[in-house]
Amino acid sequence: MKKILSAILLILAMQSAWAIDLRDAKAQGLVGEGNDGYLAAVQQPASAEVKALVASVNSKRKAQFEKTARNTGTTVLQVSNRFHELAVQKTAPGHYYQDKSGRWNKK
């Protein structure tokens, strides 16, 4: 019985160490849509958990931007800029995005 209780307490303690997901990070105001089309940390310094999330999301975005640029005969910069425009439009109320000057705005 004592081992089971210890295991449950360990699992509960570990839950706070599990990686934050994108939806939660946006809802908490930790990350937002950067003006370059990539995800960015809103609060500095960012935690290791937020940095890891940003790196993971941005790696996937970069790959998609490169693929789209190749398929459309445009540049990665053009694709990422267009993505930013669309991402701002789709940003949920209460979430953050950067304007062209780099200021964070809450929608």
Protein backbone atom coordinates (compact mmCIF):
# COMPACT_ATOMS: atom_id res chain seq x y z
CA MET A 1 0.00 0.00 0.00
CA LYS A 2 2.81 2.37 0.87
CA LYS A 3 4.52 1.70 -2.49
CA ILE A 4 1.32 2.48 -4.39
CA LEU A 5 0.84 5.74 -2.51
CA SER A 6 4.46 6.68 -3.17
CA ALA A 7 4.05 5.91 -6.87
CA ILE A 8 0.89 8.03 -7.09
CA LEU A 9 2.59 10.94 -5.34
CA LEU A 10 5.55 10.62 -7.69
CA ILE A 11 3.27 10.68 -10.73
CA LEU A 12 1.46 13.75 -9.42
CA ALA A 13 4.75 15.52 -8.78
CA MET A 14 6.02 14.65 -12.24
CA GLN A 15 2.94 16.09 -13.96
CA SER A 16 4.18 19.61 -13.32
CA ALA A 17 7.46 18.68 -15.01
CA TRP A 18 5.79 17.49 -18.21
CA ALA A 19 6.19 19.75 -21.19
CA ILE A 20 3.65 22.50 -21.67
CA ASP A 21 1.67 22.34 -24.90
CA LEU A 22 1.19 25.16 -27.39
CA ARG A 23 -2.43 25.82 -26.51
CA ASP A 24 -1.68 26.14 -22.79
CA ALA A 25 1.39 28.27 -23.39
CA LYS A 26 -0.61 30.70 -25.54
CA ALA A 27 -3.47 30.79 -23.03
CA GLN A 28 -1.02 31.59 -20.23
CA GLY A 29 0.57 34.39 -22.27
CA LEU A 30 3.95 32.66 -22.35
CA VAL A 31 4.25 32.52 -26.14
CA GLY A 32 2.75 34.35 -29.08
CA GLU A 33 2.98 34.80 -32.80
CA GLY A 34 6.23 36.60 -33.61
CA ASN A 35 6.28 39.15 -36.42
CA ASP A 36 8.55 36.86 -38.45
CA GLY A 37 6.03 34.02 -38.70
CA TYR A 38 7.63 32.01 -35.94
CA LEU A 39 6.50 31.36 -32.39
CA ALA A 40 8.24 33.50 -29.77
CA ALA A 41 8.42 33.74 -26.01
CA VAL A 42 6.45 36.74 -24.76
CA GLN A 43 8.02 36.85 -21.31
CA GLN A 44 11.77 37.08 -20.85
CA PRO A 45 13.63 35.25 -19.61
CA ALA A 46 11.72 32.27 -20.88
CA SER A 47 11.79 29.01 -18.98
CA ALA A 48 13.57 25.99 -20.42
CA GLU A 49 10.16 24.42 -21.01
CA VAL A 50 8.97 27.41 -23.07
CA LYS A 51 12.26 27.55 -24.99
CA ALA A 52 11.89 23.87 -25.88
CA LEU A 53 8.31 24.38 -27.05
CA VAL A 54 9.31 27.38 -29.19
CA ALA A 55 12.20 25.46 -30.74
CA SER A 56 10.02 22.44 -31.53
CA VAL A 57 7.20 24.47 -33.11
CA ASN A 58 9.60 26.67 -35.06
CA SER A 59 11.49 23.70 -36.44
CA LYS A 60 8.26 22.38 -37.90
CA ARG A 61 7.23 25.79 -39.18
CA LYS A 62 10.59 26.34 -40.88
CA ALA A 63 10.32 22.99 -42.68
CA GLN A 64 6.80 23.87 -43.84
CA PHE A 65 7.83 27.37 -44.91
CA GLU A 66 10.71 25.93 -46.95
CA LYS A 67 8.45 23.35 -48.59
CA THR A 68 5.80 25.95 -49.42
CA ALA A 69 8.42 28.33 -50.84
CA ARG A 70 9.80 25.56 -53.10
CA ASN A 71 6.31 24.58 -54.27
CA THR A 72 5.20 28.13 -55.00
CA GLY A 73 8.40 29.62 -56.38
CA THR A 74 8.59 32.19 -53.60
CA THR A 75 11.01 32.80 -50.76
CA VAL A 76 10.87 31.52 -47.21
CA LEU A 77 10.65 35.15 -46.08
CA GLN A 78 7.58 35.75 -48.22
CA VAL A 79 5.94 32.59 -46.91
CA SER A 80 6.73 33.38 -43.26
CA ASN A 81 5.46 36.94 -43.63
CA ARG A 82 2.19 35.70 -45.10
CA PHE A 83 1.92 33.10 -42.35
CA HIS A 84 2.30 35.88 -39.76
CA GLU A 85 -0.55 37.84 -41.35
CA LEU A 86 -2.83 34.81 -41.26
CA ALA A 87 -1.73 33.82 -37.75
CA VAL A 88 -2.59 37.28 -36.41
CA GLN A 89 -6.04 37.05 -37.98
CA LYS A 90 -6.57 33.67 -36.31
CA THR A 91 -5.09 34.65 -32.95
CA ALA A 92 -7.65 34.00 -30.23
CA PRO A 93 -8.81 36.78 -27.93
CA GLY A 94 -6.45 37.09 -24.98
CA HIS A 95 -3.48 35.66 -26.88
CA TYR A 96 -0.41 37.63 -27.97
CA TYR A 97 1.09 38.58 -31.31
CA GLN A 98 3.88 40.92 -32.36
CA ASP A 99 3.26 43.90 -34.58
CA LYS A 100 5.75 44.84 -37.30
CA SER A 101 7.79 46.95 -34.85
CA GLY A 102 8.16 44.00 -32.47
CA ARG A 103 5.77 45.17 -29.75
CA TRP A 104 3.61 42.51 -28.14
CA ASN A 105 -0.13 43.07 -28.43
CA LYS A 106 -2.92 41.17 -26.70
CA LYS A 107 -5.85 40.45 -28.98
